[in-house]
Amino acid sequence: MGSAKLQLRKLVGERNLKQNKEPDPYVLKLLSSVFTGMQGRYTRLKIILALAENPLNTLQLSKELGYDFKSIQRNLKILEENNLIERAGEGYGDIFFLSELLKNNLPVLLEVIEKVDKRLSSKKVYL
């Protein structure tokens, strides 16, 4: 997850996004559940990073990220159901892009990812 975290940190920095206050508890819980508590969280983070660069359709995302089409489709559905991405069109070539909710809370997402990364790296390994 290290390179994705660095990409997210760079994106937040490039867009000069600052978290000036405590994050909205709803947003914090939402991002925590979507990006830390479910299988496929790393895939969803990579999708978010790709869409932050350029709106894409499912096939384009599949090719760019090197994941199975169905996997991308499944993760897009989760992101869309949680209002983190939006869709333009109503068919095979639908284009996906970041929602305003996510754009405005990218620093919160970075905080969530960094907490998870810190927790994972601090776990003891037993042999």
Protein backbone atom coordinates (compact mmCIF):
# COMPACT_ATOMS: atom_id res chain seq x y z
CA MET A 1 0.00 0.00 0.00
CA GLY A 2 3.07 2.22 0.31
CA SER A 3 3.17 3.53 -3.27
CA ALA A 4 -0.58 4.21 -3.29
CA LYS A 5 -0.25 6.10 -0.02
CA LEU A 6 2.56 8.19 -1.50
CA GLN A 7 0.44 8.92 -4.57
CA LEU A 8 -2.45 10.01 -2.34
CA ARG A 9 -0.13 12.20 -0.24
CA LYS A 10 1.18 13.79 -3.47
CA LEU A 11 -2.36 14.36 -4.76
CA VAL A 12 -3.42 16.06 -1.52
CA GLY A 13 -0.28 18.22 -1.65
CA GLU A 14 -0.68 19.13 -5.32
CA ARG A 15 -4.25 20.21 -4.79
CA ASN A 16 -3.17 22.12 -1.70
CA LEU A 17 -5.88 20.44 0.37
CA LYS A 18 -5.72 21.01 4.08
CA GLN A 19 -7.80 19.56 6.84
CA ASN A 20 -8.42 22.62 9.00
CA LYS A 21 -10.81 21.06 11.48
CA GLU A 22 -11.86 17.73 12.87
CA PRO A 23 -13.19 15.50 10.09
CA ASP A 24 -16.92 14.91 9.90
CA PRO A 25 -17.53 11.70 11.90
CA TYR A 26 -19.82 10.36 9.16
CA VAL A 27 -17.14 10.87 6.48
CA LEU A 28 -14.43 9.37 8.69
CA LYS A 29 -16.57 6.28 9.37
CA LEU A 30 -17.53 5.96 5.68
CA LEU A 31 -13.95 6.19 4.42
CA SER A 32 -12.72 3.86 7.15
CA SER A 33 -15.25 1.19 6.24
CA VAL A 34 -14.73 1.43 2.46
CA PHE A 35 -10.94 1.65 2.51
CA THR A 36 -9.94 -0.40 5.54
CA GLY A 37 -12.70 -2.77 6.58
CA MET A 38 -13.59 -4.55 3.35
CA GLN A 39 -11.82 -6.88 0.97
CA GLY A 40 -10.65 -4.99 -2.12
CA ARG A 41 -9.74 -1.80 -0.27
CA TYR A 42 -6.39 -1.52 -2.04
CA THR A 43 -8.10 -1.90 -5.42
CA ARG A 44 -10.58 0.84 -4.51
CA LEU A 45 -7.75 3.16 -3.48
CA LYS A 46 -6.00 2.55 -6.82
CA ILE A 47 -9.28 3.27 -8.64
CA ILE A 48 -9.65 6.55 -6.73
CA LEU A 49 -6.10 7.57 -7.60
CA ALA A 50 -6.64 6.74 -11.29
CA LEU A 51 -9.91 8.69 -11.41
CA ALA A 52 -8.30 11.66 -9.69
CA GLU A 53 -5.94 11.87 -12.66
CA ASN A 54 -8.55 11.39 -15.36
CA PRO A 55 -12.20 10.23 -15.55
CA LEU A 56 -12.31 6.72 -17.07
CA ASN A 57 -14.75 3.95 -17.89
CA THR A 58 -14.63 0.42 -16.48
CA LEU A 59 -12.64 -1.08 -19.35
CA GLN A 60 -10.09 1.74 -19.28
CA LEU A 61 -9.64 1.31 -15.52
CA SER A 62 -9.25 -2.44 -15.94
CA LYS A 63 -6.51 -1.99 -18.53
CA GLU A 64 -4.74 0.84 -16.70
CA LEU A 65 -4.69 -0.94 -13.32
CA GLY A 66 -4.21 -4.47 -14.68
CA TYR A 67 -7.20 -5.90 -12.82
CA ASP A 68 -9.99 -8.13 -14.05
CA PHE A 69 -12.97 -6.24 -15.55
CA LYS A 70 -15.42 -7.83 -13.08
CA SER A 71 -13.23 -6.86 -10.13
CA ILE A 72 -13.17 -3.23 -11.28
CA GLN A 73 -16.92 -3.34 -11.86
CA ARG A 74 -17.55 -4.72 -8.35
CA ASN A 75 -15.34 -2.08 -6.70
CA LEU A 76 -16.86 0.75 -8.75
CA LYS A 77 -20.27 -0.35 -7.52
CA ILE A 78 -19.11 -0.12 -3.89
CA LEU A 79 -17.59 3.31 -4.46
CA GLU A 80 -20.70 4.55 -6.26
CA GLU A 81 -23.10 3.18 -3.62
CA ASN A 82 -21.12 5.09 -1.00
CA ASN A 83 -21.25 8.35 -3.02
CA LEU A 84 -17.47 8.47 -3.47
CA ILE A 85 -17.60 8.45 -7.26
CA GLU A 86 -20.14 9.59 -9.81
CA ARG A 87 -21.06 8.23 -13.21
CA ALA A 88 -21.72 10.01 -16.49
CA GLY A 89 -23.81 7.97 -18.90
CA GLU A 90 -26.00 4.93 -18.60
CA GLY A 91 -24.35 2.04 -20.34
CA TYR A 92 -21.21 0.12 -21.12
CA GLY A 93 -19.02 3.17 -21.69
CA ASP A 94 -20.04 5.08 -18.55
CA ILE A 95 -17.34 7.43 -17.36
CA PHE A 96 -16.57 7.57 -13.65
CA PHE A 97 -15.10 10.49 -11.73
CA LEU A 98 -14.60 11.53 -8.11
CA SER A 99 -17.60 12.91 -6.26
CA GLU A 100 -17.46 16.30 -4.56
CA LEU A 101 -17.75 14.48 -1.22
CA LEU A 102 -14.51 12.61 -1.87
CA LYS A 103 -12.69 15.54 -3.48
CA ASN A 104 -13.40 17.64 -0.40
CA ASN A 105 -12.28 14.88 1.95
CA LEU A 106 -9.09 13.56 0.33
CA PRO A 107 -7.08 14.66 3.41
CA VAL A 108 -9.40 12.53 5.58
CA LEU A 109 -8.82 9.56 3.26
CA LEU A 110 -5.07 10.09 3.58
CA GLU A 111 -5.42 10.14 7.38
CA VAL A 112 -7.42 6.88 7.31
CA ILE A 113 -4.87 5.18 5.04
CA GLU A 114 -1.93 6.35 7.16
CA LYS A 115 -3.58 5.05 10.36
CA VAL A 116 -4.13 1.64 8.79
CA ASP A 117 -0.61 1.56 7.41
CA LYS A 118 0.82 2.46 10.80
CA ARG A 119 -1.29 -0.20 12.52
CA LEU A 120 -0.24 -2.87 10.01
CA SER A 121 3.45 -2.01 10.26
CA SER A 122 3.37 -2.11 14.05
CA LYS A 123 1.92 -5.63 14.26
CA LYS A 124 4.31 -8.21 15.64
CA VAL A 125 5.19 -11.17 13.48
CA TYR A 126 5.28 -14.50 15.29
CA LEU A 127 7.29 -17.34 13.82
